[in-house]
Amino acid sequence: MGIDKLMSELPFKKPGSNRGYDPGVIMKGLMVSVWCGANRFSHTEVTRDDEVIRMIFGWKRLPGEDTYRRFFGKYNQAMSHQIGDDMSCDVNSGH
């Protein structure tokens, strides 16, 4: 299963405004930031400002650290475990 399809099928909370980021973009942006060495939300600003990374992934804009804080602040431990379980099932089953 491709990462885009997986992200679209997970039970992420959708943005409350038309200016909000798609949850898949938030998650992929965070993953790319971690791959590039980020280990704090504030470090995501480096990849956010990197024009080459945005071009490689076809992103016009990326979330900033406040977006990540608000996004993950919406989830409690039980919800996080459910999403993790859903991801594991999809990855392991090949669906």
Protein backbone atom coordinates (compact mmCIF):
# COMPACT_ATOMS: atom_id res chain seq x y z
CA MET A 1 0.00 0.00 0.00
CA GLY A 2 1.28 3.45 -0.85
CA ILE A 3 1.78 6.00 1.90
CA ASP A 4 -0.83 8.35 0.40
CA LYS A 5 -3.49 5.64 0.39
CA LEU A 6 -2.58 4.58 3.92
CA MET A 7 -2.77 8.15 5.23
CA SER A 8 -6.16 8.70 3.56
CA GLU A 9 -7.63 5.60 5.21
CA LEU A 10 -6.49 6.25 8.77
CA PRO A 11 -8.96 7.88 11.19
CA PHE A 12 -7.17 11.22 11.50
CA LYS A 13 -9.20 14.26 12.54
CA LYS A 14 -9.82 16.57 9.58
CA PRO A 15 -8.96 20.28 9.69
CA GLY A 16 -11.66 22.61 10.94
CA SER A 17 -11.03 25.32 8.35
CA ASN A 18 -10.41 25.55 4.64
CA ARG A 19 -6.88 26.81 5.39
CA GLY A 20 -6.04 23.73 7.44
CA TYR A 21 -3.57 21.09 6.33
CA ASP A 22 -4.67 17.65 5.24
CA PRO A 23 -3.64 15.17 7.98
CA GLY A 24 -1.66 13.16 5.41
CA VAL A 25 0.47 16.21 4.61
CA ILE A 26 1.05 16.82 8.31
CA MET A 27 2.18 13.24 8.88
CA LYS A 28 4.34 13.04 5.75
CA GLY A 29 5.88 16.42 6.52
CA LEU A 30 6.77 15.21 10.01
CA MET A 31 8.27 11.98 8.66
CA VAL A 32 10.44 13.89 6.18
CA SER A 33 11.53 16.26 8.95
CA VAL A 34 12.55 13.32 11.15
CA TRP A 35 14.43 11.72 8.23
CA CYS A 36 16.27 15.03 7.88
CA GLY A 37 17.29 15.02 11.54
CA ALA A 38 14.46 16.79 13.37
CA ASN A 39 13.92 15.61 16.92
CA ARG A 40 11.73 18.51 18.13
CA PHE A 41 8.73 20.23 16.62
CA SER A 42 10.79 23.41 16.32
CA HIS A 43 13.20 21.55 14.00
CA THR A 44 10.41 21.05 11.45
CA GLU A 45 10.90 24.69 10.46
CA VAL A 46 14.11 23.67 8.65
CA THR A 47 12.30 21.32 6.25
CA ARG A 48 9.37 23.73 6.01
CA ASP A 49 11.68 26.37 4.57
CA ASP A 50 13.56 23.97 2.28
CA GLU A 51 12.46 24.70 -1.27
CA VAL A 52 14.11 21.55 -2.70
CA ILE A 53 12.24 19.24 -0.32
CA ARG A 54 8.95 20.92 -1.21
CA MET A 55 9.73 20.47 -4.92
CA ILE A 56 10.71 16.78 -4.50
CA PHE A 57 7.44 15.96 -2.75
CA GLY A 58 5.25 18.37 -4.72
CA TRP A 59 4.25 20.44 -1.69
CA LYS A 60 3.38 24.11 -2.10
CA ARG A 61 3.66 24.66 1.65
CA LEU A 62 4.39 22.67 4.78
CA PRO A 63 3.06 23.02 8.31
CA GLY A 64 4.98 24.85 11.00
CA GLU A 65 5.67 23.68 14.51
CA ASP A 66 2.42 25.14 15.90
CA THR A 67 0.41 23.07 13.41
CA TYR A 68 2.12 19.89 14.60
CA ARG A 69 1.48 20.78 18.25
CA ARG A 70 -2.22 21.45 17.61
CA PHE A 71 -2.61 18.33 15.45
CA PHE A 72 -1.08 15.94 17.98
CA GLY A 73 -2.79 17.73 20.88
CA LYS A 74 -6.13 16.46 19.54
CA TYR A 75 -5.25 12.85 20.28
CA ASN A 76 -5.22 10.94 23.52
CA GLN A 77 -3.29 7.72 24.16
CA ALA A 78 -6.18 5.40 23.19
CA MET A 79 -6.72 7.19 19.86
CA SER A 80 -3.00 7.08 19.11
CA HIS A 81 -2.88 3.35 19.79
CA GLN A 82 -5.86 2.78 17.49
CA ILE A 83 -4.19 4.64 14.63
CA GLY A 84 -0.95 2.72 15.27
CA ASP A 85 -2.85 -0.57 15.22
CA ASP A 86 -4.61 0.41 12.00
CA MET A 87 -1.28 1.28 10.40
CA SER A 88 0.26 -2.02 11.50
CA CYS A 89 -2.65 -4.03 10.10
CA ASP A 90 -2.55 -2.23 6.76
CA VAL A 91 1.22 -2.54 6.41
CA ASN A 92 1.36 -6.16 7.50
CA SER A 93 -1.60 -7.29 5.39
CA GLY A 94 -0.45 -5.46 2.28
CA HIS A 95 -3.81 -3.59 1.97
